[in-house]
Protein backbone atom coordinates (compact mmCIF):
# COMPACT_ATOMS: atom_id res chain seq x y z
CA MET A 1 29.52 -29.57 -63.72
CA SER A 2 29.47 -26.01 -62.54
CA ASP A 3 32.48 -23.66 -61.93
CA THR A 4 32.69 -24.98 -58.34
CA GLY A 5 33.23 -28.61 -59.49
CA LYS A 6 29.81 -29.64 -58.25
CA ALA A 7 26.81 -30.96 -60.12
CA PRO A 8 24.22 -28.27 -60.90
CA GLY A 9 21.76 -29.81 -58.52
CA ALA A 10 24.16 -30.16 -55.58
CA PHE A 11 23.66 -28.48 -52.29
CA ARG A 12 26.26 -25.36 -51.84
CA THR A 13 27.67 -24.10 -48.57
CA ILE A 14 27.30 -20.55 -47.39
CA GLY A 15 30.68 -19.87 -48.63
CA GLU A 16 30.14 -21.19 -52.01
CA VAL A 17 26.76 -19.27 -52.29
CA THR A 18 28.70 -16.16 -51.13
CA ALA A 19 31.36 -16.69 -53.72
CA GLN A 20 28.71 -17.27 -56.53
CA THR A 21 26.42 -14.51 -55.67
CA GLY A 22 28.65 -11.84 -54.22
CA VAL A 23 26.23 -11.63 -51.17
CA ALA A 24 28.11 -11.69 -47.92
CA ALA A 25 27.59 -14.59 -45.45
CA HIS A 26 26.08 -12.21 -42.62
CA VAL A 27 23.66 -10.85 -45.13
CA LEU A 28 22.46 -14.25 -46.17
CA ARG A 29 21.89 -15.05 -42.58
CA TYR A 30 20.05 -11.72 -42.16
CA TRP A 31 17.85 -12.49 -45.23
CA GLU A 32 17.02 -15.99 -43.76
CA THR A 33 15.31 -14.03 -40.88
CA ARG A 34 13.46 -11.73 -43.26
CA PHE A 35 12.46 -13.95 -46.05
CA PRO A 36 10.66 -17.15 -44.91
CA GLN A 37 10.91 -18.56 -48.45
CA LEU A 38 14.72 -18.83 -47.97
CA ARG A 39 15.09 -21.60 -45.83
CA PRO A 40 18.53 -23.59 -46.53
CA VAL A 41 18.84 -27.08 -45.03
CA THR A 42 20.81 -27.12 -41.88
CA ARG A 43 22.93 -29.99 -40.42
CA ALA A 44 24.74 -30.54 -37.35
CA GLY A 45 26.26 -27.48 -35.80
CA ASN A 46 24.02 -25.31 -37.87
CA ARG A 47 25.81 -25.60 -41.24
CA ARG A 48 23.66 -24.22 -44.03
CA TYR A 49 23.30 -26.17 -47.24
CA TYR A 50 21.59 -24.19 -49.96
CA ARG A 51 19.51 -25.90 -52.65
CA PRO A 52 19.73 -24.75 -56.14
CA GLU A 53 16.30 -23.08 -55.67
CA ASP A 54 17.71 -21.37 -52.67
CA VAL A 55 20.57 -20.01 -54.67
CA ALA A 56 18.27 -18.71 -57.31
CA LEU A 57 16.07 -16.90 -54.67
CA VAL A 58 19.26 -15.38 -53.21
CA GLN A 59 20.20 -14.08 -56.62
CA ARG A 60 16.64 -12.80 -57.26
CA ILE A 61 16.55 -10.92 -53.73
CA HIS A 62 19.94 -9.49 -54.32
CA ARG A 63 18.84 -8.36 -57.73
CA LEU A 64 15.57 -6.91 -56.50
CA LEU A 65 17.45 -5.00 -53.61
CA ASP A 66 20.58 -3.85 -55.30
CA THR A 67 19.63 -3.46 -58.95
CA GLU A 68 15.94 -2.71 -59.00
CA GLY A 69 15.81 -0.51 -55.88
CA TYR A 70 13.31 -2.41 -53.74
CA THR A 71 13.24 -2.24 -50.06
CA VAL A 72 13.34 -5.27 -47.89
CA LYS A 73 9.70 -4.57 -47.10
CA GLY A 74 8.84 -4.38 -50.77
CA VAL A 75 10.65 -7.50 -51.69
CA GLN A 76 8.88 -9.34 -48.69
CA LYS A 77 5.52 -8.13 -50.11
CA LEU A 78 6.37 -9.23 -53.70
CA LEU A 79 7.55 -12.62 -52.52
CA ALA A 80 4.53 -13.10 -50.33
CA GLY A 81 2.19 -12.08 -53.10
CA GLU A 82 3.61 -14.74 -55.39
CA GLY A 83 2.74 -17.51 -52.96
CA ARG A 84 -1.06 -17.20 -53.41
CA SER A 85 -3.20 -16.29 -56.49
CA PRO A 86 -5.77 -13.60 -55.86
CA ALA A 87 -9.31 -14.98 -55.55
CA PRO A 88 -11.90 -14.02 -58.26
CA PRO A 89 -14.71 -11.61 -57.16
CA LYS A 90 -17.69 -13.24 -55.76
CA ASP A 91 -19.94 -11.95 -58.35
CA THR A 92 -17.89 -13.34 -61.15
CA PRO A 93 -19.21 -16.50 -62.67
CA ALA A 94 -17.18 -19.70 -62.72
CA PRO A 95 -15.33 -20.25 -66.10
CA MET A 96 -16.83 -22.55 -68.31
CA PRO A 97 -14.85 -25.68 -68.97
CA THR A 98 -13.18 -25.74 -72.17
CA PRO A 99 -14.12 -28.90 -74.12
CA THR A 100 -11.36 -30.72 -75.96
CA ALA A 101 -11.62 -31.13 -79.74
CA ALA A 102 -12.16 -34.85 -79.44
CA ALA A 103 -15.12 -34.41 -77.02
CA VAL A 104 -17.20 -32.15 -79.44
CA PRO A 105 -18.25 -33.75 -82.71
CA VAL A 106 -17.88 -31.76 -85.82
CA GLU A 107 -21.49 -31.74 -86.50
CA ALA A 108 -22.23 -30.06 -83.32
CA LEU A 109 -19.77 -27.36 -84.05
CA VAL A 110 -21.25 -26.94 -87.48
CA ALA A 111 -24.59 -26.58 -85.95
CA ILE A 112 -23.51 -24.03 -83.33
CA ARG A 113 -21.87 -21.98 -86.19
CA ASP A 114 -25.14 -21.94 -88.08
CA ARG A 115 -27.22 -20.91 -85.31
CA LEU A 116 -24.79 -17.99 -84.35
CA GLN A 117 -24.80 -16.99 -88.07
CA HIS A 118 -28.63 -17.07 -88.10
CA ALA A 119 -28.62 -14.95 -85.03
CA LEU A 120 -26.26 -12.47 -86.60
CA ASP A 121 -28.44 -12.19 -89.77
CA ALA A 122 -31.62 -11.67 -87.93
């Protein structure tokens, strides 16, 4: 159980997130408009319920803005860049699949080693 008496995986209200993170409720609502990654569950009456990953994201945004000196736009770019991995350049060959140890017999590995040693000696 956490200090709020809830299980670690339980949803948190906006007031509980405010108390836990030190970020004011109006700032949390503003961040929801600026960071599409921050989407708490909303129920009847627009009550917000934050999942544990939402709370972790709030803590990270708070740290980036207040401690590390990022701007809102800078945090937006950082979070948006994490959502996709960069594509390799078109002239880069595809990586060779790595065989598992069980897939390659020892005799084949010894033969490769011997061929490499012979090439180096030549």
